[in-house]
Amino acid sequence: MPDREEPTGALVRPYAVTRGRTRPRLEIAIEALVETTVRGRSAGTGSRGGHGREHQHIASLCDGKVQSLAEIAARMRLPLGVARVLIADMAADGLVAVYEPTSFDNNDAVGTELLERVLSGLRRL
């Protein structure tokens, strides 16, 4: 029976990281790019909100290498919603910069460009 209990614990833990919050302070698109700021590099393990370890991991992932919200969630093995809440908290605290994708017009050339960017990002994974 221990096998049945472990997945439940694994699913509960990530939401404990956000203290049960499911709504981020800022809306962040799944393809938004995240980069550690100077403040984020110098923040060390402590940050407002008491989530130092997760914040430090995100800061190290995005230090010198811009990553999308989806990439961060995948690399940390966290649900997308949990990663979104953590990154929004970090952005509000000035620990990371979030670069939202530009809005595109509804023409085929731009749609193709977006699909090519997504495909390129998937290949990098």
PDB file of N, CA and C in Angstrom:
ATOM      1  N   MET A   1       0.790  -1.216   0.000  1.00  0.00           N
ATOM      2  CA  MET A   1       0.000   0.000   0.000  1.00  0.00           C
ATOM      3  C   MET A   1       0.836   1.288   0.000  1.00  0.00           C
ATOM      4  N   PRO A   2       2.115   1.280   0.368  1.00  0.00           N
ATOM      5  CA  PRO A   2       2.878   2.524   0.374  1.00  0.00           C
ATOM      6  C   PRO A   2       2.922   3.182  -0.998  1.00  0.00           C
ATOM      7  N   ASP A   3       2.847   2.391  -2.068  1.00  0.00           N
ATOM      8  CA  ASP A   3       2.895   2.976  -3.402  1.00  0.00           C
ATOM      9  C   ASP A   3       1.704   3.891  -3.651  1.00  0.00           C
ATOM     10  N   ARG A   4       0.556   3.565  -3.078  1.00  0.00           N
ATOM     11  CA  ARG A   4      -0.628   4.384  -3.298  1.00  0.00           C
ATOM     12  C   ARG A   4      -0.549   5.686  -2.502  1.00  0.00           C
ATOM     13  N   GLU A   5       0.145   5.707  -1.389  1.00  0.00           N
ATOM     14  CA  GLU A   5       0.218   6.910  -0.568  1.00  0.00           C
ATOM     15  C   GLU A   5       1.213   7.924  -1.116  1.00  0.00           C
ATOM     16  N   GLU A   6       2.292   7.475  -1.721  1.00  0.00           N
ATOM     17  CA  GLU A   6       3.319   8.395  -2.178  1.00  0.00           C
ATOM     18  C   GLU A   6       2.826   9.384  -3.235  1.00  0.00           C
ATOM     19  N   PRO A   7       2.076   8.953  -4.278  1.00  0.00           N
ATOM     20  CA  PRO A   7       1.615   9.945  -5.242  1.00  0.00           C
ATOM     21  C   PRO A   7       0.758  11.031  -4.616  1.00  0.00           C
ATOM     22  N   THR A   8      -0.063  10.678  -3.644  1.00  0.00           N
ATOM     23  CA  THR A   8      -0.893  11.687  -2.993  1.00  0.00           C
ATOM     24  C   THR A   8      -0.011  12.721  -2.311  1.00  0.00           C
ATOM     25  N   GLY A   9       1.005  12.279  -1.588  1.00  0.00           N
ATOM     26  CA  GLY A   9       1.923  13.205  -0.934  1.00  0.00           C
ATOM     27  C   GLY A   9       2.655  14.069  -1.939  1.00  0.00           C
ATOM     28  N   ALA A  10       3.025  13.473  -3.080  1.00  0.00           N
ATOM     29  CA  ALA A  10       3.728  14.223  -4.114  1.00  0.00           C
ATOM     30  C   ALA A  10       2.816  15.294  -4.717  1.00  0.00           C
ATOM     31  N   LEU A  11       1.520  15.030  -4.795  1.00  0.00           N
ATOM     32  CA  LEU A  11       0.600  16.013  -5.353  1.00  0.00           C
ATOM     33  C   LEU A  11       0.279  17.117  -4.356  1.00  0.00           C
ATOM     34  N   VAL A  12       0.265  16.824  -3.092  1.00  0.00           N
ATOM     35  CA  VAL A  12      -0.065  17.817  -2.081  1.00  0.00           C
ATOM     36  C   VAL A  12       1.097  18.776  -1.869  1.00  0.00           C
ATOM     37  N   ARG A  13       2.303  18.282  -1.848  1.00  0.00           N
ATOM     38  CA  ARG A  13       3.470  19.087  -1.530  1.00  0.00           C
ATOM     39  C   ARG A  13       3.620  20.349  -2.381  1.00  0.00           C
ATOM     40  N   PRO A  14       3.507  20.277  -3.714  1.00  0.00           N
ATOM     41  CA  PRO A  14       3.693  21.511  -4.484  1.00  0.00           C
ATOM     42  C   PRO A  14       2.729  22.625  -4.084  1.00  0.00           C
ATOM     43  N   TYR A  15       1.491  22.287  -3.760  1.00  0.00           N
ATOM     44  CA  TYR A  15       0.544  23.324  -3.375  1.00  0.00           C
ATOM     45  C   TYR A  15       0.828  23.842  -1.969  1.00  0.00           C
ATOM     46  N   ALA A  16       1.509  23.046  -1.172  1.00  0.00           N
ATOM     47  CA  ALA A  16       1.944  23.536   0.127  1.00  0.00           C
ATOM     48  C   ALA A  16       3.011  24.616  -0.057  1.00  0.00           C
ATOM     49  N   VAL A  17       3.781  24.512  -1.126  1.00  0.00           N
ATOM     50  CA  VAL A  17       4.820  25.499  -1.430  1.00  0.00           C
ATOM     51  C   VAL A  17       4.200  26.879  -1.635  1.00  0.00           C
ATOM     52  N   THR A  18       3.008  26.923  -2.199  1.00  0.00           N
ATOM     53  CA  THR A  18       2.332  28.205  -2.430  1.00  0.00           C
ATOM     54  C   THR A  18       1.377  28.552  -1.301  1.00  0.00           C
ATOM     55  N   ARG A  19       1.418  27.730  -0.238  1.00  0.00           N
ATOM     56  CA  ARG A  19       0.528  27.898   0.912  1.00  0.00           C
ATOM     57  C   ARG A  19      -0.938  27.841   0.486  1.00  0.00           C
ATOM     58  N   GLY A  20      -1.195  26.969  -0.481  1.00  0.00           N
ATOM     59  CA  GLY A  20      -2.549  26.746  -0.936  1.00  0.00           C
ATOM     60  C   GLY A  20      -3.076  27.761  -1.933  1.00  0.00           C
ATOM     61  N   ARG A  21      -2.284  28.777  -2.238  1.00  0.00           N
ATOM     62  CA  ARG A  21      -2.747  29.784  -3.201  1.00  0.00           C
ATOM     63  C   ARG A  21      -2.726  29.199  -4.604  1.00  0.00           C
ATOM     64  N   THR A  22      -3.751  29.458  -5.353  1.00  0.00           N
ATOM     65  CA  THR A  22      -3.807  28.976  -6.731  1.00  0.00           C
ATOM     66  C   THR A  22      -3.828  30.121  -7.729  1.00  0.00           C
ATOM     67  N   ARG A  23      -4.007  31.333  -7.242  1.00  0.00           N
ATOM     68  CA  ARG A  23      -4.034  32.503  -8.128  1.00  0.00           C
ATOM     69  C   ARG A  23      -2.757  33.320  -7.952  1.00  0.00           C
ATOM     70  N   PRO A  24      -2.060  33.557  -9.057  1.00  0.00           N
ATOM     71  CA  PRO A  24      -0.834  34.360  -8.979  1.00  0.00           C
ATOM     72  C   PRO A  24      -1.144  35.840  -8.802  1.00  0.00           C
ATOM     73  N   ARG A  25      -0.177  36.573  -8.280  1.00  0.00           N
ATOM     74  CA  ARG A  25      -0.331  38.025  -8.135  1.00  0.00           C
ATOM     75  C   ARG A  25      -0.433  38.696  -9.504  1.00  0.00           C
ATOM     76  N   LEU A  26       0.276  38.140 -10.484  1.00  0.00           N
ATOM     77  CA  LEU A  26       0.286  38.664 -11.852  1.00  0.00           C
ATOM     78  C   LEU A  26      -0.092  37.539 -12.800  1.00  0.00           C
ATOM     79  N   GLU A  27      -0.803  37.843 -13.846  1.00  0.00           N
ATOM     80  CA  GLU A  27      -1.097  36.833 -14.859  1.00  0.00           C
ATOM     81  C   GLU A  27       0.137  36.693 -15.750  1.00  0.00           C
ATOM     82  N   ILE A  28       0.626  35.480 -15.893  1.00  0.00           N
ATOM     83  CA  ILE A  28       1.820  35.214 -16.684  1.00  0.00           C
ATOM     84  C   ILE A  28       1.476  34.152 -17.716  1.00  0.00           C
ATOM     85  N   ALA A  29       1.761  34.449 -18.983  1.00  0.00           N
ATOM     86  CA  ALA A  29       1.501  33.499 -20.062  1.00  0.00           C
ATOM     87  C   ALA A  29       2.457  32.314 -19.961  1.00  0.00           C
ATOM     88  N   ILE A  30       2.021  31.172 -20.419  1.00  0.00           N
ATOM     89  CA  ILE A  30       2.827  29.954 -20.355  1.00  0.00           C
ATOM     90  C   ILE A  30       4.142  30.111 -21.113  1.00  0.00           C
ATOM     91  N   GLU A  31       4.131  30.913 -22.182  1.00  0.00           N
ATOM     92  CA  GLU A  31       5.337  31.099 -22.985  1.00  0.00           C
ATOM     93  C   GLU A  31       6.137  32.331 -22.583  1.00  0.00           C
ATOM     94  N   ALA A  32       5.703  33.025 -21.519  1.00  0.00           N
ATOM     95  CA  ALA A  32       6.438  34.196 -21.038  1.00  0.00           C
ATOM     96  C   ALA A  32       7.846  33.787 -20.634  1.00  0.00           C
ATOM     97  N   LEU A  33       8.794  34.658 -20.906  1.00  0.00           N
ATOM     98  CA  LEU A  33      10.196  34.379 -20.593  1.00  0.00           C
ATOM     99  C   LEU A  33      10.567  35.001 -19.258  1.00  0.00           C
ATOM    100  N   VAL A  34      11.365  34.263 -18.495  1.00  0.00           N
ATOM    101  CA  VAL A  34      11.735  34.677 -17.138  1.00  0.00           C
ATOM    102  C   VAL A  34      13.252  34.755 -17.054  1.00  0.00           C
ATOM    103  N   GLU A  35      13.736  35.831 -16.431  1.00  0.00           N
ATOM    104  CA  GLU A  35      15.173  36.035 -16.261  1.00  0.00           C
ATOM    105  C   GLU A  35      15.435  36.552 -14.850  1.00  0.00           C
ATOM    106  N   THR A  36      16.453  36.039 -14.221  1.00  0.00           N
ATOM    107  CA  THR A  36      16.820  36.488 -12.879  1.00  0.00           C
ATOM    108  C   THR A  36      17.378  37.905 -12.949  1.00  0.00           C
ATOM    109  N   THR A  37      16.933  38.746 -12.038  1.00  0.00           N
ATOM    110  CA  THR A  37      17.423  40.120 -11.971  1.00  0.00           C
ATOM    111  C   THR A  37      18.666  40.179 -11.084  1.00  0.00           C
ATOM    112  N   VAL A  38      19.299  41.331 -11.055  1.00  0.00           N
ATOM    113  CA  VAL A  38      20.448  41.541 -10.171  1.00  0.00           C
ATOM    114  C   VAL A  38      20.011  41.324  -8.725  1.00  0.00           C
ATOM    115  N   ARG A  39      18.858  41.841  -8.385  1.00  0.00           N
ATOM    116  CA  ARG A  39      18.321  41.659  -7.027  1.00  0.00           C
ATOM    117  C   ARG A  39      18.101  40.177  -6.729  1.00  0.00           C
ATOM    118  N   GLY A  40      17.613  39.427  -7.702  1.00  0.00           N
ATOM    119  CA  GLY A  40      17.384  37.997  -7.531  1.00  0.00           C
ATOM    120  C   GLY A  40      18.674  37.226  -7.320  1.00  0.00           C
ATOM    121  N   ARG A  41      19.736  37.662  -7.990  1.00  0.00           N
ATOM    122  CA  ARG A  41      21.041  37.005  -7.822  1.00  0.00           C
ATOM    123  C   ARG A  41      21.615  37.254  -6.432  1.00  0.00           C
ATOM    124  N   SER A  42      21.368  38.439  -5.903  1.00  0.00           N
ATOM    125  CA  SER A  42      21.954  38.797  -4.613  1.00  0.00           C
ATOM    126  C   SER A  42      21.044  38.465  -3.433  1.00  0.00           C
ATOM    127  N   ALA A  43      19.821  37.974  -3.709  1.00  0.00           N
ATOM    128  CA  ALA A  43      18.859  37.721  -2.635  1.00  0.00           C
ATOM    129  C   ALA A  43      19.243  36.537  -1.758  1.00  0.00           C
ATOM    130  N   GLY A  44      20.055  35.624  -2.257  1.00  0.00           N
ATOM    131  CA  GLY A  44      20.446  34.463  -1.462  1.00  0.00           C
ATOM    132  C   GLY A  44      19.284  33.514  -1.280  1.00  0.00           C
ATOM    133  N   THR A  45      19.215  32.868  -0.130  1.00  0.00           N
ATOM    134  CA  THR A  45      18.179  31.864   0.106  1.00  0.00           C
ATOM    135  C   THR A  45      16.902  32.467   0.650  1.00  0.00           C
ATOM    136  N   GLY A  46      16.957  33.626   1.224  1.00  0.00           N
ATOM    137  CA  GLY A  46      15.748  34.184   1.825  1.00  0.00           C
ATOM    138  C   GLY A  46      15.028  35.099   0.869  1.00  0.00           C
ATOM    139  N   SER A  47      13.730  35.045   0.890  1.00  0.00           N
ATOM    140  CA  SER A  47      12.913  35.985   0.128  1.00  0.00           C
ATOM    141  C   SER A  47      11.588  36.142   0.844  1.00  0.00           C
ATOM    142  N   ARG A  48      10.920  37.229   0.589  1.00  0.00           N
ATOM    143  CA  ARG A  48       9.634  37.480   1.217  1.00  0.00           C
ATOM    144  C   ARG A  48       8.676  36.364   0.836  1.00  0.00           C
ATOM    145  N   GLY A  49       7.924  35.870   1.792  1.00  0.00           N
ATOM    146  CA  GLY A  49       6.982  34.802   1.527  1.00  0.00           C
ATOM    147  C   GLY A  49       7.453  33.470   2.062  1.00  0.00           C
ATOM    148  N   GLY A  50       8.714  33.356   2.452  1.00  0.00           N
ATOM    149  CA  GLY A  50       9.202  32.156   3.083  1.00  0.00           C
ATOM    150  C   GLY A  50       9.415  30.971   2.170  1.00  0.00           C
ATOM    151  N   HIS A  51       9.554  31.200   0.891  1.00  0.00           N
ATOM    152  CA  HIS A  51       9.763  30.101  -0.042  1.00  0.00           C
ATOM    153  C   HIS A  51      11.170  30.161  -0.614  1.00  0.00           C
ATOM    154  N   GLY A  52      12.149  30.345   0.231  1.00  0.00           N
ATOM    155  CA  GLY A  52      13.512  30.565  -0.207  1.00  0.00           C
ATOM    156  C   GLY A  52      14.080  29.492  -1.112  1.00  0.00           C
ATOM    157  N   ARG A  53      13.876  28.222  -0.784  1.00  0.00           N
ATOM    158  CA  ARG A  53      14.494  27.149  -1.567  1.00  0.00           C
ATOM    159  C   ARG A  53      13.955  27.124  -2.996  1.00  0.00           C
ATOM    160  N   GLU A  54      12.658  27.210  -3.160  1.00  0.00           N
ATOM    161  CA  GLU A  54      12.077  27.205  -4.504  1.00  0.00           C
ATOM    162  C   GLU A  54      12.463  28.459  -5.279  1.00  0.00           C
ATOM    163  N   HIS A  55      12.460  29.586  -4.596  1.00  0.00           N
ATOM    164  CA  HIS A  55      12.867  30.834  -5.251  1.00  0.00           C
ATOM    165  C   HIS A  55      14.317  30.756  -5.692  1.00  0.00           C
ATOM    166  N   GLN A  56      15.158  30.206  -4.847  1.00  0.00           N
ATOM    167  CA  GLN A  56      16.575  30.088  -5.193  1.00  0.00           C
ATOM    168  C   GLN A  56      16.760  29.167  -6.402  1.00  0.00           C
ATOM    169  N   HIS A  57      15.992  28.082  -6.459  1.00  0.00           N
ATOM    170  CA  HIS A  57      16.085  27.162  -7.590  1.00  0.00           C
ATOM    171  C   HIS A  57      15.648  27.850  -8.879  1.00  0.00           C
ATOM    172  N   ILE A  58      14.550  28.584  -8.844  1.00  0.00           N
ATOM    173  CA  ILE A  58      14.087  29.312 -10.024  1.00  0.00           C
ATOM    174  C   ILE A  58      15.122  30.346 -10.436  1.00  0.00           C
ATOM    175  N   ALA A  59      15.659  31.076  -9.464  1.00  0.00           N
ATOM    176  CA  ALA A  59      16.672  32.097  -9.767  1.00  0.00           C
ATOM    177  C   ALA A  59      17.897  31.472 -10.422  1.00  0.00           C
ATOM    178  N   SER A  60      18.314  30.303  -9.962  1.00  0.00           N
ATOM    179  CA  SER A  60      19.487  29.663 -10.564  1.00  0.00           C
ATOM    180  C   SER A  60      19.178  29.141 -11.967  1.00  0.00           C
ATOM    181  N   LEU A  61      17.955  28.661 -12.195  1.00  0.00           N
ATOM    182  CA  LEU A  61      17.574  28.195 -13.534  1.00  0.00           C
ATOM    183  C   LEU A  61      17.589  29.325 -14.553  1.00  0.00           C
ATOM    184  N   CYS A  62      17.227  30.527 -14.104  1.00  0.00           N
ATOM    185  CA  CYS A  62      17.070  31.666 -15.017  1.00  0.00           C
ATOM    186  C   CYS A  62      18.239  32.636 -14.956  1.00  0.00           C
ATOM    187  N   ASP A  63      19.310  32.263 -14.295  1.00  0.00           N
ATOM    188  CA  ASP A  63      20.479  33.131 -14.173  1.00  0.00           C
ATOM    189  C   ASP A  63      21.371  32.921 -15.390  1.00  0.00           C
ATOM    190  N   GLY A  64      21.367  33.902 -16.270  1.00  0.00           N
ATOM    191  CA  GLY A  64      22.181  33.815 -17.475  1.00  0.00           C
ATOM    192  C   GLY A  64      21.521  33.033 -18.603  1.00  0.00           C
ATOM    193  N   LYS A  65      20.349  32.482 -18.350  1.00  0.00           N
ATOM    194  CA  LYS A  65      19.635  31.737 -19.388  1.00  0.00           C
ATOM    195  C   LYS A  65      18.143  32.012 -19.213  1.00  0.00           C
ATOM    196  N   VAL A  66      17.582  32.751 -20.140  1.00  0.00           N
ATOM    197  CA  VAL A  66      16.163  33.072 -20.088  1.00  0.00           C
ATOM    198  C   VAL A  66      15.369  31.801 -20.357  1.00  0.00           C
ATOM    199  N   GLN A  67      14.354  31.540 -19.519  1.00  0.00           N
ATOM    200  CA  GLN A  67      13.541  30.331 -19.643  1.00  0.00           C
ATOM    201  C   GLN A  67      12.070  30.711 -19.638  1.00  0.00           C
ATOM    202  N   SER A  68      11.263  29.900 -20.306  1.00  0.00           N
ATOM    203  CA  SER A  68       9.825  30.149 -20.291  1.00  0.00           C
ATOM    204  C   SER A  68       9.223  29.592 -19.010  1.00  0.00           C
ATOM    205  N   LEU A  69       8.050  30.078 -18.680  1.00  0.00           N
ATOM    206  CA  LEU A  69       7.325  29.567 -17.519  1.00  0.00           C
ATOM    207  C   LEU A  69       7.149  28.055 -17.640  1.00  0.00           C
ATOM    208  N   ALA A  70       6.800  27.578 -18.821  1.00  0.00           N
ATOM    209  CA  ALA A  70       6.599  26.139 -19.036  1.00  0.00           C
ATOM    210  C   ALA A  70       7.889  25.351 -18.795  1.00  0.00           C
ATOM    211  N   GLU A  71       9.021  25.879 -19.258  1.00  0.00           N
ATOM    212  CA  GLU A  71      10.300  25.197 -19.049  1.00  0.00           C
ATOM    213  C   GLU A  71      10.646  25.107 -17.562  1.00  0.00           C
ATOM    214  N   ILE A  72      10.402  26.185 -16.842  1.00  0.00           N
ATOM    215  CA  ILE A  72      10.708  26.198 -15.408  1.00  0.00           C
ATOM    216  C   ILE A  72       9.855  25.165 -14.683  1.00  0.00           C
ATOM    217  N   ALA A  73       8.565  25.138 -14.989  1.00  0.00           N
ATOM    218  CA  ALA A  73       7.668  24.169 -14.355  1.00  0.00           C
ATOM    219  C   ALA A  73       8.133  22.749 -14.648  1.00  0.00           C
ATOM    220  N   ALA A  74       8.504  22.482 -15.892  1.00  0.00           N
ATOM    221  CA  ALA A  74       8.947  21.136 -16.270  1.00  0.00           C
ATOM    222  C   ALA A  74      10.250  20.762 -15.575  1.00  0.00           C
ATOM    223  N   ARG A  75      11.204  21.671 -15.552  1.00  0.00           N
ATOM    224  CA  ARG A  75      12.507  21.380 -14.935  1.00  0.00           C
ATOM    225  C   ARG A  75      12.392  21.183 -13.423  1.00  0.00           C
ATOM    226  N   MET A  76      11.459  21.883 -12.799  1.00  0.00           N
ATOM    227  CA  MET A  76      11.274  21.745 -11.355  1.00  0.00           C
ATOM    228  C   MET A  76      10.276  20.639 -11.009  1.00  0.00           C
ATOM    229  N   ARG A  77       9.660  20.074 -12.052  1.00  0.00           N
ATOM    230  CA  ARG A  77       8.646  19.035 -11.871  1.00  0.00           C
ATOM    231  C   ARG A  77       7.512  19.516 -10.972  1.00  0.00           C
ATOM    232  N   LEU A  78       7.056  20.724 -11.283  1.00  0.00           N
ATOM    233  CA  LEU A  78       5.949  21.339 -10.559  1.00  0.00           C
ATOM    234  C   LEU A  78       4.780  21.528 -11.510  1.00  0.00           C
ATOM    235  N   PRO A  79       3.563  21.469 -11.009  1.00  0.00           N
ATOM    236  CA  PRO A  79       2.419  21.829 -11.846  1.00  0.00           C
ATOM    237  C   PRO A  79       2.573  23.267 -12.335  1.00  0.00           C
ATOM    238  N   LEU A  80       2.079  23.527 -13.523  1.00  0.00           N
ATOM    239  CA  LEU A  80       2.206  24.850 -14.125  1.00  0.00           C
ATOM    240  C   LEU A  80       1.640  25.948 -13.228  1.00  0.00           C
ATOM    241  N   GLY A  81       0.518  25.698 -12.602  1.00  0.00           N
ATOM    242  CA  GLY A  81      -0.098  26.699 -11.726  1.00  0.00           C
ATOM    243  C   GLY A  81       0.770  27.056 -10.539  1.00  0.00           C
ATOM    244  N   VAL A  82       1.455  26.076  -9.981  1.00  0.00           N
ATOM    245  CA  VAL A  82       2.343  26.318  -8.841  1.00  0.00           C
ATOM    246  C   VAL A  82       3.535  27.155  -9.287  1.00  0.00           C
ATOM    247  N   ALA A  83       4.132  26.793 -10.420  1.00  0.00           N
ATOM    248  CA  ALA A  83       5.264  27.571 -10.939  1.00  0.00           C
ATOM    249  C   ALA A  83       4.829  28.999 -11.241  1.00  0.00           C
ATOM    250  N   ARG A  84       3.629  29.159 -11.772  1.00  0.00           N
ATOM    251  CA  ARG A  84       3.117  30.498 -12.098  1.00  0.00           C
ATOM    252  C   ARG A  84       2.991  31.345 -10.830  1.00  0.00           C
ATOM    253  N   VAL A  85       2.482  30.767  -9.750  1.00  0.00           N
ATOM    254  CA  VAL A  85       2.335  31.506  -8.487  1.00  0.00           C
ATOM    255  C   VAL A  85       3.712  31.905  -7.953  1.00  0.00           C
ATOM    256  N   LEU A  86       4.660  30.970  -7.947  1.00  0.00           N
ATOM    257  CA  LEU A  86       6.001  31.261  -7.437  1.00  0.00           C
ATOM    258  C   LEU A  86       6.686  32.353  -8.250  1.00  0.00           C
ATOM    259  N   ILE A  87       6.613  32.248  -9.571  1.00  0.00           N
ATOM    260  CA  ILE A  87       7.270  33.234 -10.438  1.00  0.00           C
ATOM    261  C   ILE A  87       6.593  34.594 -10.312  1.00  0.00           C
ATOM    262  N   ALA A  88       5.282  34.612 -10.186  1.00  0.00           N
ATOM    263  CA  ALA A  88       4.580  35.892  -9.991  1.00  0.00           C
ATOM    264  C   ALA A  88       5.010  36.547  -8.684  1.00  0.00           C
ATOM    265  N   ASP A  89       5.160  35.746  -7.626  1.00  0.00           N
ATOM    266  CA  ASP A  89       5.649  36.281  -6.353  1.00  0.00           C
ATOM    267  C   ASP A  89       7.049  36.866  -6.520  1.00  0.00           C
ATOM    268  N   MET A  90       7.896  36.124  -7.225  1.00  0.00           N
ATOM    269  CA  MET A  90       9.271  36.584  -7.429  1.00  0.00           C
ATOM    270  C   MET A  90       9.309  37.863  -8.260  1.00  0.00           C
ATOM    271  N   ALA A  91       8.461  37.940  -9.282  1.00  0.00           N
ATOM    272  CA  ALA A  91       8.410  39.145 -10.112  1.00  0.00           C
ATOM    273  C   ALA A  91       7.940  40.340  -9.284  1.00  0.00           C
ATOM    274  N   ALA A  92       6.940  40.129  -8.431  1.00  0.00           N
ATOM    275  CA  ALA A  92       6.441  41.206  -7.573  1.00  0.00           C
ATOM    276  C   ALA A  92       7.511  41.671  -6.592  1.00  0.00           C
ATOM    277  N   ASP A  93       8.391  40.756  -6.188  1.00  0.00           N
ATOM    278  CA  ASP A  93       9.480  41.099  -5.268  1.00  0.00           C
ATOM    279  C   ASP A  93      10.729  41.605  -5.992  1.00  0.00           C
ATOM    280  N   GLY A  94      10.692  41.652  -7.323  1.00  0.00           N
ATOM    281  CA  GLY A  94      11.829  42.141  -8.099  1.00  0.00           C
ATOM    282  C   GLY A  94      12.960  41.136  -8.243  1.00  0.00           C
ATOM    283  N   LEU A  95      12.693  39.861  -7.982  1.00  0.00           N
ATOM    284  CA  LEU A  95      13.734  38.837  -8.069  1.00  0.00           C
ATOM    285  C   LEU A  95      13.920  38.306  -9.483  1.00  0.00           C
ATOM    286  N   VAL A  96      12.873  38.391 -10.300  1.00  0.00           N
ATOM    287  CA  VAL A  96      12.950  37.985 -11.701  1.00  0.00           C
ATOM    288  C   VAL A  96      12.237  39.028 -12.556  1.00  0.00           C
ATOM    289  N   ALA A  97      12.636  39.082 -13.817  1.00  0.00           N
ATOM    290  CA  ALA A  97      11.945  39.897 -14.813  1.00  0.00           C
ATOM    291  C   ALA A  97      11.156  38.938 -15.692  1.00  0.00           C
ATOM    292  N   VAL A  98       9.911  39.287 -15.978  1.00  0.00           N
ATOM    293  CA  VAL A  98       9.052  38.460 -16.820  1.00  0.00           C
ATOM    294  C   VAL A  98       8.786  39.231 -18.106  1.00  0.00           C
ATOM    295  N   TYR A  99       9.110  38.587 -19.218  1.00  0.00           N
ATOM    296  CA  TYR A  99       8.905  39.188 -20.531  1.00  0.00           C
ATOM    297  C   TYR A  99       7.733  38.484 -21.196  1.00  0.00           C
ATOM    298  N   GLU A 100       6.597  39.175 -21.222  1.00  0.00           N
ATOM    299  CA  GLU A 100       5.399  38.605 -21.828  1.00  0.00           C
ATOM    300  C   GLU A 100       5.542  38.615 -23.347  1.00  0.00           C
ATOM    301  N   PRO A 101       4.941  37.626 -24.003  1.00  0.00           N
ATOM    302  CA  PRO A 101       4.983  37.617 -25.470  1.00  0.00           C
ATOM    303  C   PRO A 101       4.198  38.799 -26.010  1.00  0.00           C
ATOM    304  N   THR A 102       4.621  39.282 -27.157  1.00  0.00           N
ATOM    305  CA  THR A 102       3.890  40.383 -27.773  1.00  0.00           C
ATOM    306  C   THR A 102       2.615  39.836 -28.380  1.00  0.00           C
ATOM    307  N   SER A 103       1.604  40.673 -28.405  1.00  0.00           N
ATOM    308  CA  SER A 103       0.355  40.224 -29.018  1.00  0.00           C
ATOM    309  C   SER A 103       0.499  40.317 -30.529  1.00  0.00           C
ATOM    310  N   PHE A 104      -0.049  39.324 -31.201  1.00  0.00           N
ATOM    311  CA  PHE A 104       0.054  39.248 -32.646  1.00  0.00           C
ATOM    312  C   PHE A 104      -1.288  39.560 -33.284  1.00  0.00           C
ATOM    313  N   ASP A 105      -1.239  40.095 -34.496  1.00  0.00           N
ATOM    314  CA  ASP A 105      -2.457  40.274 -35.280  1.00  0.00           C
ATOM    315  C   ASP A 105      -2.895  38.913 -35.790  1.00  0.00           C
ATOM    316  N   ASN A 106      -4.085  38.837 -36.295  1.00  0.00           N
ATOM    317  CA  ASN A 106      -4.624  37.570 -36.789  1.00  0.00           C
ATOM    318  C   ASN A 106      -4.282  37.347 -38.254  1.00  0.00           C
ATOM    319  N   ASN A 107      -2.998  37.359 -38.616  1.00  0.00           N
ATOM    320  CA  ASN A 107      -2.649  37.004 -39.987  1.00  0.00           C
ATOM    321  C   ASN A 107      -1.808  35.732 -39.975  1.00  0.00           C
ATOM    322  N   ASP A 108      -1.821  35.011 -41.077  1.00  0.00           N
ATOM    323  CA  ASP A 108      -1.184  33.695 -41.139  1.00  0.00           C
ATOM    324  C   ASP A 108       0.326  33.756 -40.949  1.00  0.00           C
ATOM    325  N   ALA A 109       0.982  34.797 -41.441  1.00  0.00           N
ATOM    326  CA  ALA A 109       2.439  34.874 -41.340  1.00  0.00           C
ATOM    327  C   ALA A 109       2.875  34.929 -39.875  1.00  0.00           C
ATOM    328  N   VAL A 110       2.190  35.714 -39.084  1.00  0.00           N
ATOM    329  CA  VAL A 110       2.536  35.831 -37.673  1.00  0.00           C
ATOM    330  C   VAL A 110       2.189  34.542 -36.942  1.00  0.00           C
ATOM    331  N   GLY A 111       1.062  33.912 -37.273  1.00  0.00           N
ATOM    332  CA  GLY A 111       0.693  32.642 -36.671  1.00  0.00           C
ATOM    333  C   GLY A 111       1.743  31.580 -36.922  1.00  0.00           C
ATOM    334  N   THR A 112       2.282  31.559 -38.132  1.00  0.00           N
ATOM    335  CA  THR A 112       3.343  30.617 -38.472  1.00  0.00           C
ATOM    336  C   THR A 112       4.599  30.922 -37.671  1.00  0.00           C
ATOM    337  N   GLU A 113       4.908  32.199 -37.514  1.00  0.00           N
ATOM    338  CA  GLU A 113       6.087  32.597 -36.735  1.00  0.00           C
ATOM    339  C   GLU A 113       5.965  32.116 -35.288  1.00  0.00           C
ATOM    340  N   LEU A 114       4.790  32.285 -34.708  1.00  0.00           N
ATOM    341  CA  LEU A 114       4.571  31.837 -33.341  1.00  0.00           C
ATOM    342  C   LEU A 114       4.734  30.323 -33.238  1.00  0.00           C
ATOM    343  N   LEU A 115       4.160  29.587 -34.168  1.00  0.00           N
ATOM    344  CA  LEU A 115       4.295  28.128 -34.151  1.00  0.00           C
ATOM    345  C   LEU A 115       5.751  27.699 -34.296  1.00  0.00           C
ATOM    346  N   GLU A 116       6.512  28.393 -35.121  1.00  0.00           N
ATOM    347  CA  GLU A 116       7.931  28.074 -35.273  1.00  0.00           C
ATOM    348  C   GLU A 116       8.696  28.335 -33.973  1.00  0.00           C
ATOM    349  N   ARG A 117       8.347  29.415 -33.256  1.00  0.00           N
ATOM    350  CA  ARG A 117       8.989  29.705 -31.974  1.00  0.00           C
ATOM    351  C   ARG A 117       8.672  28.620 -30.957  1.00  0.00           C
ATOM    352  N   VAL A 118       7.421  28.179 -30.925  1.00  0.00           N
ATOM    353  CA  VAL A 118       7.024  27.117 -29.998  1.00  0.00           C
ATOM    354  C   VAL A 118       7.768  25.834 -30.322  1.00  0.00           C
ATOM    355  N   LEU A 119       7.831  25.475 -31.621  1.00  0.00           N
ATOM    356  CA  LEU A 119       8.541  24.269 -32.043  1.00  0.00           C
ATOM    357  C   LEU A 119      10.013  24.345 -31.669  1.00  0.00           C
ATOM    358  N   SER A 120      10.613  25.507 -31.866  1.00  0.00           N
ATOM    359  CA  SER A 120      12.021  25.692 -31.501  1.00  0.00           C
ATOM    360  C   SER A 120      12.222  25.508 -29.999  1.00  0.00           C
ATOM    361  N   GLY A 121      11.320  26.057 -29.211  1.00  0.00           N
ATOM    362  CA  GLY A 121      11.399  25.888 -27.754  1.00  0.00           C
ATOM    363  C   GLY A 121      11.248  24.445 -27.326  1.00  0.00           C
ATOM    364  N   LEU A 122      10.367  23.730 -27.986  1.00  0.00           N
ATOM    365  CA  LEU A 122      10.186  22.305 -27.658  1.00  0.00           C
ATOM    366  C   LEU A 122      11.416  21.499 -28.010  1.00  0.00           C
ATOM    367  N   ARG A 123      12.059  21.832 -29.104  1.00  0.00           N
ATOM    368  CA  ARG A 123      13.287  21.119 -29.483  1.00  0.00           C
ATOM    369  C   ARG A 123      14.403  21.341 -28.472  1.00  0.00           C
ATOM    370  N   ARG A 124      14.431  22.521 -27.858  1.00  0.00           N
ATOM    371  CA  ARG A 124      15.465  22.807 -26.848  1.00  0.00           C
ATOM    372  C   ARG A 124      15.268  22.015 -25.572  1.00  0.00           C
ATOM    373  N   LEU A 125      14.052  21.563 -25.344  1.00  0.00           N
ATOM    374  CA  LEU A 125      13.793  20.775 -24.140  1.00  0.00           C
ATOM    375  C   LEU A 125      14.449  19.445 -24.300  1.00  0.00           C
TER     376      LEU A 125
END
